[in-house]
Amino acid sequence: MTPPTGILVMAYGTASGPDDVERYYTDIRGGRPPTPEHLQELKERYAAIGNRFPLLDITTEQAKGLERALGDGFKSYLGMKHSPPFIPEGVARMREDGIERAVGIVMAPHWSGMSIATYVDRVQKAVAEDGGPEFTFVRRFHDDPGFVRFLAGRVSDALGKLPEGERDDAAVIFSAHSLPQRSLENGETRCTYCFLCETSCAYVDGLRETAELVSAELGGIDHTIGWQSAGRTADPWLGPPVEDVIRDLAEKHRAVVVCSAGFVADHLEILYDLDIEAQEVAREAGVTLVRTEMPNADPAFVEVLAGVVREHLAAEPAP
């Protein structure tokens, strides 16, 4: 009997609770613990959102939903970058189940050498060290027509929450996680990892393309891009920050919609950075701010992922 095709669904990871925050951020920082001041600030942010840590549960449901949507002949597995179950654990479970062919897909739409490529590296390292399936990888889906239509629906829903007068005068910010500016200097704008992704990719251009495609799907909307959740380092990060974009737009618009197109689930960067920090900026600027609902495990989004995997498999010769 032919074993099913394995689908390794990967995400960044999350602390499991307040007591796991230090462990989690130490892992993110390559083994360097956060300072006591930084750790306290992080715990206060989580407390402000009700000490919710939903990413693992959401990613689990996305993986289960993807398996159901793909149907017979597929089995999904989880692999998190900075928390259990770690990516090598997912690969190990595939190996134990006798999976021979596998697809890796990261729950992040836009290609980046500092992001997607690192997941690929971890999978390939695990396979090289201990064996495992023959992998291919979905490198990006930011321009997938189904994903574009899904986001357009979310933006339309968010606009519909505004009073009619504000709705007609709203601008849309499409955001993604900021990256260190040095990534641009190292070629991130024109991807130096093309031997991996097989096409000329760019993180900045990818977000801009998503914004333009969604705008076109909606018949043309006033839109721009912004960057959120920059890290706490001395190095400069990609800008302009979403907060600055909100202030600028407030000079000409009565309402702003934020579509966090670089994320596909609720977590601290959404529930705190947008729902608390960005909302405070909007209030101070005198502009109404709403954000699009995150995809999470919405069946419509899961079906988009299934279509992305099917298209990928159709384009990839069987090993």
C-alpha atoms as a PDB file:
ATOM      1  CA  MET A   1       0.000   0.000   0.000  1.00  0.00           C
ATOM      2  CA  THR A   2       1.364   3.409  -0.985  1.00  0.00           C
ATOM      3  CA  PRO A   3       1.908   5.630   2.054  1.00  0.00           C
ATOM      4  CA  PRO A   4       0.106   8.968   2.075  1.00  0.00           C
ATOM      5  CA  THR A   5       1.769  12.198   1.059  1.00  0.00           C
ATOM      6  CA  GLY A   6       2.877  13.991   4.184  1.00  0.00           C
ATOM      7  CA  ILE A   7       2.136  17.694   4.669  1.00  0.00           C
ATOM      8  CA  LEU A   8       4.443  19.381   7.173  1.00  0.00           C
ATOM      9  CA  VAL A   9       2.613  22.507   8.338  1.00  0.00           C
ATOM     10  CA  MET A  10       5.139  24.883   9.891  1.00  0.00           C
ATOM     11  CA  ALA A  11       4.769  28.039  11.964  1.00  0.00           C
ATOM     12  CA  TYR A  12       6.965  30.314  14.049  1.00  0.00           C
ATOM     13  CA  GLY A  13       6.046  28.936  17.453  1.00  0.00           C
ATOM     14  CA  THR A  14       4.684  30.339  20.677  1.00  0.00           C
ATOM     15  CA  ALA A  15       5.132  30.312  24.396  1.00  0.00           C
ATOM     16  CA  SER A  16       2.748  27.842  26.016  1.00  0.00           C
ATOM     17  CA  GLY A  17       1.922  30.218  28.870  1.00  0.00           C
ATOM     18  CA  PRO A  18       3.369  32.974  31.057  1.00  0.00           C
ATOM     19  CA  ASP A  19       5.941  30.636  32.607  1.00  0.00           C
ATOM     20  CA  ASP A  20       7.231  29.681  29.148  1.00  0.00           C
ATOM     21  CA  VAL A  21       7.827  33.218  27.860  1.00  0.00           C
ATOM     22  CA  GLU A  22      11.494  33.340  28.870  1.00  0.00           C
ATOM     23  CA  ARG A  23      12.237  29.942  27.312  1.00  0.00           C
ATOM     24  CA  TYR A  24      10.478  30.926  24.093  1.00  0.00           C
ATOM     25  CA  TYR A  25      12.256  34.255  23.612  1.00  0.00           C
ATOM     26  CA  THR A  26      15.587  32.711  24.573  1.00  0.00           C
ATOM     27  CA  ASP A  27      15.099  30.248  21.715  1.00  0.00           C
ATOM     28  CA  ILE A  28      14.201  33.067  19.315  1.00  0.00           C
ATOM     29  CA  ARG A  29      17.355  34.921  20.379  1.00  0.00           C
ATOM     30  CA  GLY A  30      19.602  31.958  19.628  1.00  0.00           C
ATOM     31  CA  GLY A  31      20.112  30.997  23.271  1.00  0.00           C
ATOM     32  CA  ARG A  32      20.486  34.518  24.674  1.00  0.00           C
ATOM     33  CA  PRO A  33      17.861  35.161  27.375  1.00  0.00           C
ATOM     34  CA  PRO A  34      15.955  38.450  27.240  1.00  0.00           C
ATOM     35  CA  THR A  35      17.001  41.014  29.820  1.00  0.00           C
ATOM     36  CA  PRO A  36      14.873  41.126  32.980  1.00  0.00           C
ATOM     37  CA  GLU A  37      13.381  44.427  31.769  1.00  0.00           C
ATOM     38  CA  HIS A  38      12.525  43.006  28.351  1.00  0.00           C
ATOM     39  CA  LEU A  39      11.063  39.851  29.897  1.00  0.00           C
ATOM     40  CA  GLN A  40       8.856  41.897  32.209  1.00  0.00           C
ATOM     41  CA  GLU A  41       7.636  43.995  29.287  1.00  0.00           C
ATOM     42  CA  LEU A  42       6.813  40.859  27.294  1.00  0.00           C
ATOM     43  CA  LYS A  43       4.869  39.355  30.190  1.00  0.00           C
ATOM     44  CA  GLU A  44       2.948  42.605  30.575  1.00  0.00           C
ATOM     45  CA  ARG A  45       2.024  42.514  26.890  1.00  0.00           C
ATOM     46  CA  TYR A  46       0.717  38.979  27.174  1.00  0.00           C
ATOM     47  CA  ALA A  47      -1.186  39.945  30.320  1.00  0.00           C
ATOM     48  CA  ALA A  48      -2.761  42.836  28.405  1.00  0.00           C
ATOM     49  CA  ILE A  49      -4.283  40.366  25.922  1.00  0.00           C
ATOM     50  CA  GLY A  50      -5.541  38.089  28.670  1.00  0.00           C
ATOM     51  CA  ASN A  51      -2.507  35.773  28.723  1.00  0.00           C
ATOM     52  CA  ARG A  52      -3.677  34.171  25.504  1.00  0.00           C
ATOM     53  CA  PHE A  53      -1.226  31.995  23.549  1.00  0.00           C
ATOM     54  CA  PRO A  54      -3.411  30.760  20.676  1.00  0.00           C
ATOM     55  CA  LEU A  55      -0.931  30.076  17.875  1.00  0.00           C
ATOM     56  CA  LEU A  56      -0.304  26.365  18.524  1.00  0.00           C
ATOM     57  CA  ASP A  57      -4.020  25.586  18.724  1.00  0.00           C
ATOM     58  CA  ILE A  58      -4.712  27.591  15.570  1.00  0.00           C
ATOM     59  CA  THR A  59      -1.882  25.959  13.617  1.00  0.00           C
ATOM     60  CA  THR A  60      -3.036  22.532  14.792  1.00  0.00           C
ATOM     61  CA  GLU A  61      -6.523  23.249  13.467  1.00  0.00           C
ATOM     62  CA  GLN A  62      -5.083  24.580  10.201  1.00  0.00           C
ATOM     63  CA  ALA A  63      -3.115  21.343   9.766  1.00  0.00           C
ATOM     64  CA  LYS A  64      -6.112  19.133  10.578  1.00  0.00           C
ATOM     65  CA  GLY A  65      -8.310  21.162   8.271  1.00  0.00           C
ATOM     66  CA  LEU A  66      -5.756  20.924   5.477  1.00  0.00           C
ATOM     67  CA  GLU A  67      -5.656  17.143   5.803  1.00  0.00           C
ATOM     68  CA  ARG A  68      -9.456  16.989   5.562  1.00  0.00           C
ATOM     69  CA  ALA A  69      -9.560  19.366   2.610  1.00  0.00           C
ATOM     70  CA  LEU A  70      -6.943  17.408   0.670  1.00  0.00           C
ATOM     71  CA  GLY A  71      -8.757  14.133   1.318  1.00  0.00           C
ATOM     72  CA  ASP A  72      -7.554  10.555   1.071  1.00  0.00           C
ATOM     73  CA  GLY A  73      -3.868  10.043   0.422  1.00  0.00           C
ATOM     74  CA  PHE A  74      -2.650  12.906   2.639  1.00  0.00           C
ATOM     75  CA  LYS A  75      -1.587  13.150   6.272  1.00  0.00           C
ATOM     76  CA  SER A  76      -0.634  16.371   8.032  1.00  0.00           C
ATOM     77  CA  TYR A  77       2.086  16.952  10.617  1.00  0.00           C
ATOM     78  CA  LEU A  78       3.139  19.957  12.697  1.00  0.00           C
ATOM     79  CA  GLY A  79       6.555  21.561  12.955  1.00  0.00           C
ATOM     80  CA  MET A  80       7.201  24.764  14.909  1.00  0.00           C
ATOM     81  CA  LYS A  81      10.365  26.810  14.624  1.00  0.00           C
ATOM     82  CA  HIS A  82      10.747  27.960  18.230  1.00  0.00           C
ATOM     83  CA  SER A  83       8.467  25.751  20.314  1.00  0.00           C
ATOM     84  CA  PRO A  84       7.245  22.149  20.576  1.00  0.00           C
ATOM     85  CA  PRO A  85       6.561  20.269  18.443  1.00  0.00           C
ATOM     86  CA  PHE A  86       9.755  21.456  16.775  1.00  0.00           C
ATOM     87  CA  ILE A  87      10.336  20.975  13.043  1.00  0.00           C
ATOM     88  CA  PRO A  88      12.698  17.973  13.534  1.00  0.00           C
ATOM     89  CA  GLU A  89       9.975  16.325  15.653  1.00  0.00           C
ATOM     90  CA  GLY A  90       7.516  16.656  12.784  1.00  0.00           C
ATOM     91  CA  VAL A  91      10.040  15.162  10.372  1.00  0.00           C
ATOM     92  CA  ALA A  92      10.697  12.314  12.840  1.00  0.00           C
ATOM     93  CA  ARG A  93       6.990  11.488  13.064  1.00  0.00           C
ATOM     94  CA  MET A  94       6.823  11.360   9.273  1.00  0.00           C
ATOM     95  CA  ARG A  95       9.797   9.004   9.222  1.00  0.00           C
ATOM     96  CA  GLU A  96       8.189   6.754  11.846  1.00  0.00           C
ATOM     97  CA  ASP A  97       4.970   6.628   9.805  1.00  0.00           C
ATOM     98  CA  GLY A  98       6.846   5.590   6.672  1.00  0.00           C
ATOM     99  CA  ILE A  99       6.084   8.770   4.740  1.00  0.00           C
ATOM    100  CA  GLU A 100       8.114   8.796   1.539  1.00  0.00           C
ATOM    101  CA  ARG A 101       6.926  11.981  -0.141  1.00  0.00           C
ATOM    102  CA  ALA A 102       6.236  15.213   1.718  1.00  0.00           C
ATOM    103  CA  VAL A 103       5.402  18.852   1.143  1.00  0.00           C
ATOM    104  CA  GLY A 104       6.526  21.555   3.553  1.00  0.00           C
ATOM    105  CA  ILE A 105       4.388  24.668   3.826  1.00  0.00           C
ATOM    106  CA  VAL A 106       5.005  27.587   6.184  1.00  0.00           C
ATOM    107  CA  MET A 107       2.069  29.549   7.531  1.00  0.00           C
ATOM    108  CA  ALA A 108       3.501  32.761   6.081  1.00  0.00           C
ATOM    109  CA  PRO A 109       2.505  33.942   2.592  1.00  0.00           C
ATOM    110  CA  HIS A 110       5.599  35.937   1.547  1.00  0.00           C
ATOM    111  CA  TRP A 111       9.021  34.585   0.679  1.00  0.00           C
ATOM    112  CA  SER A 112      11.991  35.835   2.666  1.00  0.00           C
ATOM    113  CA  GLY A 113      15.467  34.435   2.963  1.00  0.00           C
ATOM    114  CA  MET A 114      15.354  35.372   6.653  1.00  0.00           C
ATOM    115  CA  SER A 115      12.075  33.529   7.158  1.00  0.00           C
ATOM    116  CA  ILE A 116      10.904  30.791   4.789  1.00  0.00           C
ATOM    117  CA  ALA A 117      14.420  29.732   3.853  1.00  0.00           C
ATOM    118  CA  THR A 118      15.245  29.057   7.502  1.00  0.00           C
ATOM    119  CA  TYR A 119      12.333  26.617   7.793  1.00  0.00           C
ATOM    120  CA  VAL A 120      13.530  24.834   4.674  1.00  0.00           C
ATOM    121  CA  ASP A 121      17.027  24.646   6.141  1.00  0.00           C
ATOM    122  CA  ARG A 122      15.739  23.060   9.359  1.00  0.00           C
ATOM    123  CA  VAL A 123      13.761  20.429   7.496  1.00  0.00           C
ATOM    124  CA  GLN A 124      16.659  19.562   5.231  1.00  0.00           C
ATOM    125  CA  LYS A 125      19.047  19.381   8.184  1.00  0.00           C
ATOM    126  CA  ALA A 126      16.709  16.994  10.018  1.00  0.00           C
ATOM    127  CA  VAL A 127      16.417  14.763   6.945  1.00  0.00           C
ATOM    128  CA  ALA A 128      20.184  14.819   6.340  1.00  0.00           C
ATOM    129  CA  GLU A 129      20.934  13.836   9.941  1.00  0.00           C
ATOM    130  CA  ASP A 130      18.313  11.162  10.577  1.00  0.00           C
ATOM    131  CA  GLY A 131      16.579  10.406   7.299  1.00  0.00           C
ATOM    132  CA  GLY A 132      13.057  11.138   6.269  1.00  0.00           C
ATOM    133  CA  PRO A 133      10.773  11.761   3.319  1.00  0.00           C
ATOM    134  CA  GLU A 134      11.687  13.343   0.023  1.00  0.00           C
ATOM    135  CA  PHE A 135      10.573  16.942   0.523  1.00  0.00           C
ATOM    136  CA  THR A 136       9.442  19.703  -1.764  1.00  0.00           C
ATOM    137  CA  PHE A 137       8.394  23.089  -0.430  1.00  0.00           C
ATOM    138  CA  VAL A 138       5.742  25.697  -1.060  1.00  0.00           C
ATOM    139  CA  ARG A 139       7.882  28.823  -1.159  1.00  0.00           C
ATOM    140  CA  ARG A 140       5.157  31.468  -1.171  1.00  0.00           C
ATOM    141  CA  PHE A 141       1.460  31.960  -1.773  1.00  0.00           C
ATOM    142  CA  HIS A 142       1.099  35.725  -1.426  1.00  0.00           C
ATOM    143  CA  ASP A 143      -0.091  36.042  -5.031  1.00  0.00           C
ATOM    144  CA  ASP A 144      -2.278  32.934  -5.157  1.00  0.00           C
ATOM    145  CA  PRO A 145      -5.646  33.946  -6.661  1.00  0.00           C
ATOM    146  CA  GLY A 146      -7.570  32.142  -3.935  1.00  0.00           C
ATOM    147  CA  PHE A 147      -5.574  33.876  -1.216  1.00  0.00           C
ATOM    148  CA  VAL A 148      -6.071  37.241  -2.906  1.00  0.00           C
ATOM    149  CA  ARG A 149      -9.839  36.685  -3.086  1.00  0.00           C
ATOM    150  CA  PHE A 150      -9.883  35.600   0.556  1.00  0.00           C
ATOM    151  CA  LEU A 151      -8.067  38.744   1.693  1.00  0.00           C
ATOM    152  CA  ALA A 152     -10.294  40.894  -0.492  1.00  0.00           C
ATOM    153  CA  GLY A 153     -13.303  39.438   1.306  1.00  0.00           C
ATOM    154  CA  ARG A 154     -11.718  40.203   4.674  1.00  0.00           C
ATOM    155  CA  VAL A 155     -10.962  43.792   3.654  1.00  0.00           C
ATOM    156  CA  SER A 156     -14.506  44.221   2.366  1.00  0.00           C
ATOM    157  CA  ASP A 157     -15.885  42.892   5.660  1.00  0.00           C
ATOM    158  CA  ALA A 158     -13.687  45.301   7.640  1.00  0.00           C
ATOM    159  CA  LEU A 159     -14.774  48.249   5.515  1.00  0.00           C
ATOM    160  CA  GLY A 160     -18.354  47.205   6.123  1.00  0.00           C
ATOM    161  CA  LYS A 161     -17.878  47.666   9.870  1.00  0.00           C
ATOM    162  CA  LEU A 162     -17.286  51.389   9.385  1.00  0.00           C
ATOM    163  CA  PRO A 163     -20.064  53.973   9.336  1.00  0.00           C
ATOM    164  CA  GLU A 164     -20.987  54.826   5.759  1.00  0.00           C
ATOM    165  CA  GLY A 165     -19.365  58.248   5.807  1.00  0.00           C
ATOM    166  CA  GLU A 166     -16.078  56.880   7.134  1.00  0.00           C
ATOM    167  CA  ARG A 167     -16.199  53.828   4.840  1.00  0.00           C
ATOM    168  CA  ASP A 168     -16.131  56.034   1.762  1.00  0.00           C
ATOM    169  CA  ASP A 169     -13.121  57.899   3.138  1.00  0.00           C
ATOM    170  CA  ALA A 170     -11.071  54.944   4.388  1.00  0.00           C
ATOM    171  CA  ALA A 171      -7.572  53.889   3.400  1.00  0.00           C
ATOM    172  CA  VAL A 172      -6.182  50.368   3.748  1.00  0.00           C
ATOM    173  CA  ILE A 173      -2.756  49.476   5.137  1.00  0.00           C
ATOM    174  CA  PHE A 174      -1.389  46.076   4.152  1.00  0.00           C
ATOM    175  CA  SER A 175       1.182  45.057   6.739  1.00  0.00           C
ATOM    176  CA  ALA A 176       3.741  42.337   7.397  1.00  0.00           C
ATOM    177  CA  HIS A 177       6.401  41.686  10.004  1.00  0.00           C
ATOM    178  CA  SER A 178       9.322  44.064   9.680  1.00  0.00           C
ATOM    179  CA  LEU A 179      12.804  42.711   8.988  1.00  0.00           C
ATOM    180  CA  PRO A 180      16.207  44.163   9.861  1.00  0.00           C
ATOM    181  CA  GLN A 181      17.264  46.750   7.307  1.00  0.00           C
ATOM    182  CA  ARG A 182      20.504  44.845   6.771  1.00  0.00           C
ATOM    183  CA  SER A 183      18.463  42.161   5.013  1.00  0.00           C
ATOM    184  CA  LEU A 184      17.892  44.649   2.192  1.00  0.00           C
ATOM    185  CA  GLU A 185      21.566  45.507   2.081  1.00  0.00           C
ATOM    186  CA  ASN A 186      22.285  41.783   1.827  1.00  0.00           C
ATOM    187  CA  GLY A 187      20.026  41.412  -1.182  1.00  0.00           C
ATOM    188  CA  GLU A 188      16.659  40.626   0.396  1.00  0.00           C
ATOM    189  CA  THR A 189      14.858  43.003  -1.972  1.00  0.00           C
ATOM    190  CA  ARG A 190      16.043  40.898  -4.881  1.00  0.00           C
ATOM    191  CA  CYS A 191      16.199  37.460  -3.399  1.00  0.00           C
ATOM    192  CA  THR A 192      19.696  35.980  -3.283  1.00  0.00           C
ATOM    193  CA  TYR A 193      18.155  32.588  -2.484  1.00  0.00           C
ATOM    194  CA  CYS A 194      16.756  32.052  -5.988  1.00  0.00           C
ATOM    195  CA  PHE A 195      18.420  28.648  -6.189  1.00  0.00           C
ATOM    196  CA  LEU A 196      15.936  27.689  -3.467  1.00  0.00           C
ATOM    197  CA  CYS A 197      12.765  29.438  -4.499  1.00  0.00           C
ATOM    198  CA  GLU A 198      13.248  29.025  -8.260  1.00  0.00           C
ATOM    199  CA  THR A 199      12.118  32.559  -9.051  1.00  0.00           C
ATOM    200  CA  SER A 200      13.161  36.107  -8.343  1.00  0.00           C
ATOM    201  CA  CYS A 201      11.447  36.839  -5.029  1.00  0.00           C
ATOM    202  CA  ALA A 202      11.399  39.858  -2.781  1.00  0.00           C
ATOM    203  CA  TYR A 203       9.794  40.284   0.594  1.00  0.00           C
ATOM    204  CA  VAL A 204       9.040  43.955   0.154  1.00  0.00           C
ATOM    205  CA  ASP A 205       7.867  43.524  -3.407  1.00  0.00           C
ATOM    206  CA  GLY A 206       5.788  40.528  -2.338  1.00  0.00           C
ATOM    207  CA  LEU A 207       3.801  42.547   0.193  1.00  0.00           C
ATOM    208  CA  ARG A 208       3.367  45.332  -2.327  1.00  0.00           C
ATOM    209  CA  GLU A 209       2.134  42.807  -4.912  1.00  0.00           C
ATOM    210  CA  THR A 210      -0.390  41.354  -2.457  1.00  0.00           C
ATOM    211  CA  ALA A 211      -1.684  44.862  -1.751  1.00  0.00           C
ATOM    212  CA  GLU A 212      -2.033  45.691  -5.423  1.00  0.00           C
ATOM    213  CA  LEU A 213      -3.761  42.395  -6.257  1.00  0.00           C
ATOM    214  CA  VAL A 214      -6.268  42.745  -3.421  1.00  0.00           C
ATOM    215  CA  SER A 215      -6.918  46.352  -4.384  1.00  0.00           C
ATOM    216  CA  ALA A 216      -7.581  45.316  -7.973  1.00  0.00           C
ATOM    217  CA  GLU A 217      -9.909  42.541  -6.770  1.00  0.00           C
ATOM    218  CA  LEU A 218     -11.928  45.223  -4.964  1.00  0.00           C
ATOM    219  CA  GLY A 219     -12.007  47.510  -7.971  1.00  0.00           C
ATOM    220  CA  GLY A 220      -9.221  49.781  -6.807  1.00  0.00           C
ATOM    221  CA  ILE A 221      -8.972  51.071  -3.238  1.00  0.00           C
ATOM    222  CA  ASP A 222      -6.824  53.695  -1.571  1.00  0.00           C
ATOM    223  CA  HIS A 223      -4.044  51.587  -0.078  1.00  0.00           C
ATOM    224  CA  THR A 224      -0.442  51.527   1.059  1.00  0.00           C
ATOM    225  CA  ILE A 225       1.918  49.163   2.880  1.00  0.00           C
ATOM    226  CA  GLY A 226       3.483  49.360   6.335  1.00  0.00           C
ATOM    227  CA  TRP A 227       5.655  47.253   8.589  1.00  0.00           C
ATOM    228  CA  GLN A 228       4.861  46.087  12.077  1.00  0.00           C
ATOM    229  CA  SER A 229       6.331  44.383  15.135  1.00  0.00           C
ATOM    230  CA  ALA A 230       9.967  45.341  14.577  1.00  0.00           C
ATOM    231  CA  GLY A 231      12.419  43.677  16.936  1.00  0.00           C
ATOM    232  CA  ARG A 232      14.245  45.268  19.841  1.00  0.00           C
ATOM    233  CA  THR A 233      17.697  45.642  18.326  1.00  0.00           C
ATOM    234  CA  ALA A 234      20.031  48.550  17.686  1.00  0.00           C
ATOM    235  CA  ASP A 235      19.906  47.855  13.953  1.00  0.00           C
ATOM    236  CA  PRO A 236      17.338  49.761  11.883  1.00  0.00           C
ATOM    237  CA  TRP A 237      14.323  47.775  10.673  1.00  0.00           C
ATOM    238  CA  LEU A 238      12.133  48.003   7.590  1.00  0.00           C
ATOM    239  CA  GLY A 239       9.802  50.976   7.612  1.00  0.00           C
ATOM    240  CA  PRO A 240       7.647  52.888   7.683  1.00  0.00           C
ATOM    241  CA  PRO A 241       6.101  51.400  10.815  1.00  0.00           C
ATOM    242  CA  VAL A 242       2.337  50.901  10.763  1.00  0.00           C
ATOM    243  CA  GLU A 243       2.018  53.474  13.544  1.00  0.00           C
ATOM    244  CA  ASP A 244       3.625  56.189  11.409  1.00  0.00           C
ATOM    245  CA  VAL A 245       1.482  55.238   8.422  1.00  0.00           C
ATOM    246  CA  ILE A 246      -1.651  55.588  10.544  1.00  0.00           C
ATOM    247  CA  ARG A 247      -0.598  59.079  11.642  1.00  0.00           C
ATOM    248  CA  ASP A 248       0.119  60.115   8.052  1.00  0.00           C
ATOM    249  CA  LEU A 249      -3.179  58.761   6.753  1.00  0.00           C
ATOM    250  CA  ALA A 250      -5.089  60.470   9.549  1.00  0.00           C
ATOM    251  CA  GLU A 251      -4.239  63.821   7.936  1.00  0.00           C
ATOM    252  CA  LYS A 252      -6.381  62.958   4.892  1.00  0.00           C
ATOM    253  CA  HIS A 253      -8.703  60.129   5.950  1.00  0.00           C
ATOM    254  CA  ARG A 254     -11.319  59.580   8.632  1.00  0.00           C
ATOM    255  CA  ALA A 255     -10.801  55.821   8.853  1.00  0.00           C
ATOM    256  CA  VAL A 256      -8.075  53.246   8.317  1.00  0.00           C
ATOM    257  CA  VAL A 257      -8.275  49.486   7.791  1.00  0.00           C
ATOM    258  CA  VAL A 258      -5.223  47.373   8.613  1.00  0.00           C
ATOM    259  CA  CYS A 259      -4.942  44.090   6.726  1.00  0.00           C
ATOM    260  CA  SER A 260      -2.069  42.165   8.284  1.00  0.00           C
ATOM    261  CA  ALA A 261      -1.424  40.221   5.094  1.00  0.00           C
ATOM    262  CA  GLY A 262       1.900  38.790   6.252  1.00  0.00           C
ATOM    263  CA  PHE A 263       0.278  36.797   9.082  1.00  0.00           C
ATOM    264  CA  VAL A 264      -2.397  34.099   8.976  1.00  0.00           C
ATOM    265  CA  ALA A 265      -3.238  33.663  12.672  1.00  0.00           C
ATOM    266  CA  ASP A 266      -3.955  35.566  15.849  1.00  0.00           C
ATOM    267  CA  HIS A 267      -0.961  35.987  18.158  1.00  0.00           C
ATOM    268  CA  LEU A 268       0.841  38.738  20.083  1.00  0.00           C
ATOM    269  CA  GLU A 269       1.733  40.704  16.939  1.00  0.00           C
ATOM    270  CA  ILE A 270      -1.966  40.980  16.138  1.00  0.00           C
ATOM    271  CA  LEU A 271      -3.691  40.974  19.515  1.00  0.00           C
ATOM    272  CA  TYR A 272      -1.287  43.467  21.119  1.00  0.00           C
ATOM    273  CA  ASP A 273       0.635  45.294  18.397  1.00  0.00           C
ATOM    274  CA  LEU A 274      -2.477  46.078  16.360  1.00  0.00           C
ATOM    275  CA  ASP A 275      -5.431  45.740  18.718  1.00  0.00           C
ATOM    276  CA  ILE A 276      -3.822  47.717  21.535  1.00  0.00           C
ATOM    277  CA  GLU A 277      -0.802  49.740  20.353  1.00  0.00           C
ATOM    278  CA  ALA A 278      -2.027  50.663  16.876  1.00  0.00           C
ATOM    279  CA  GLN A 279      -5.514  51.402  18.211  1.00  0.00           C
ATOM    280  CA  GLU A 280      -4.022  53.830  20.730  1.00  0.00           C
ATOM    281  CA  VAL A 281      -2.108  55.582  17.959  1.00  0.00           C
ATOM    282  CA  ALA A 282      -5.307  55.846  15.902  1.00  0.00           C
ATOM    283  CA  ARG A 283      -7.241  57.323  18.816  1.00  0.00           C
ATOM    284  CA  GLU A 284      -4.550  59.925  19.411  1.00  0.00           C
ATOM    285  CA  ALA A 285      -4.543  60.771  15.696  1.00  0.00           C
ATOM    286  CA  GLY A 286      -8.330  61.113  15.640  1.00  0.00           C
ATOM    287  CA  VAL A 287      -8.948  58.378  13.080  1.00  0.00           C
ATOM    288  CA  THR A 288     -11.091  55.239  13.285  1.00  0.00           C
ATOM    289  CA  LEU A 289      -9.092  52.009  12.960  1.00  0.00           C
ATOM    290  CA  VAL A 290     -10.431  48.548  12.192  1.00  0.00           C
ATOM    291  CA  ARG A 291      -8.439  45.513  11.203  1.00  0.00           C
ATOM    292  CA  THR A 292      -9.309  42.514   9.087  1.00  0.00           C
ATOM    293  CA  GLU A 293     -10.170  39.281  10.849  1.00  0.00           C
ATOM    294  CA  MET A 294      -7.258  36.850  10.699  1.00  0.00           C
ATOM    295  CA  PRO A 295      -7.618  33.696   8.562  1.00  0.00           C
ATOM    296  CA  ASN A 296      -6.919  31.295  11.451  1.00  0.00           C
ATOM    297  CA  ALA A 297      -8.588  27.954  10.660  1.00  0.00           C
ATOM    298  CA  ASP A 298     -11.491  29.380   8.663  1.00  0.00           C
ATOM    299  CA  PRO A 299     -12.539  26.581   6.261  1.00  0.00           C
ATOM    300  CA  ALA A 300     -12.409  29.027   3.353  1.00  0.00           C
ATOM    301  CA  PHE A 301      -8.760  29.788   4.139  1.00  0.00           C
ATOM    302  CA  VAL A 302      -7.939  26.120   4.666  1.00  0.00           C
ATOM    303  CA  GLU A 303      -9.365  25.428   1.207  1.00  0.00           C
ATOM    304  CA  VAL A 304      -7.040  28.129  -0.159  1.00  0.00           C
ATOM    305  CA  LEU A 305      -4.097  26.281   1.411  1.00  0.00           C
ATOM    306  CA  ALA A 306      -5.335  23.001  -0.050  1.00  0.00           C
ATOM    307  CA  GLY A 307      -5.449  24.599  -3.495  1.00  0.00           C
ATOM    308  CA  VAL A 308      -1.908  25.907  -3.032  1.00  0.00           C
ATOM    309  CA  VAL A 309      -0.683  22.406  -2.114  1.00  0.00           C
ATOM    310  CA  ARG A 310      -2.525  20.780  -5.010  1.00  0.00           C
ATOM    311  CA  GLU A 311      -1.060  23.263  -7.479  1.00  0.00           C
ATOM    312  CA  HIS A 312       2.405  22.745  -6.012  1.00  0.00           C
ATOM    313  CA  LEU A 313       2.136  18.964  -6.323  1.00  0.00           C
ATOM    314  CA  ALA A 314       0.871  19.230  -9.890  1.00  0.00           C
ATOM    315  CA  ALA A 315       3.948  21.280 -10.791  1.00  0.00           C
ATOM    316  CA  GLU A 316       6.416  19.034  -8.936  1.00  0.00           C
ATOM    317  CA  PRO A 317       7.414  15.677 -10.471  1.00  0.00           C
ATOM    318  CA  ALA A 318       7.002  12.758  -8.080  1.00  0.00           C
ATOM    319  CA  PRO A 319      10.385  11.675  -6.591  1.00  0.00           C
END
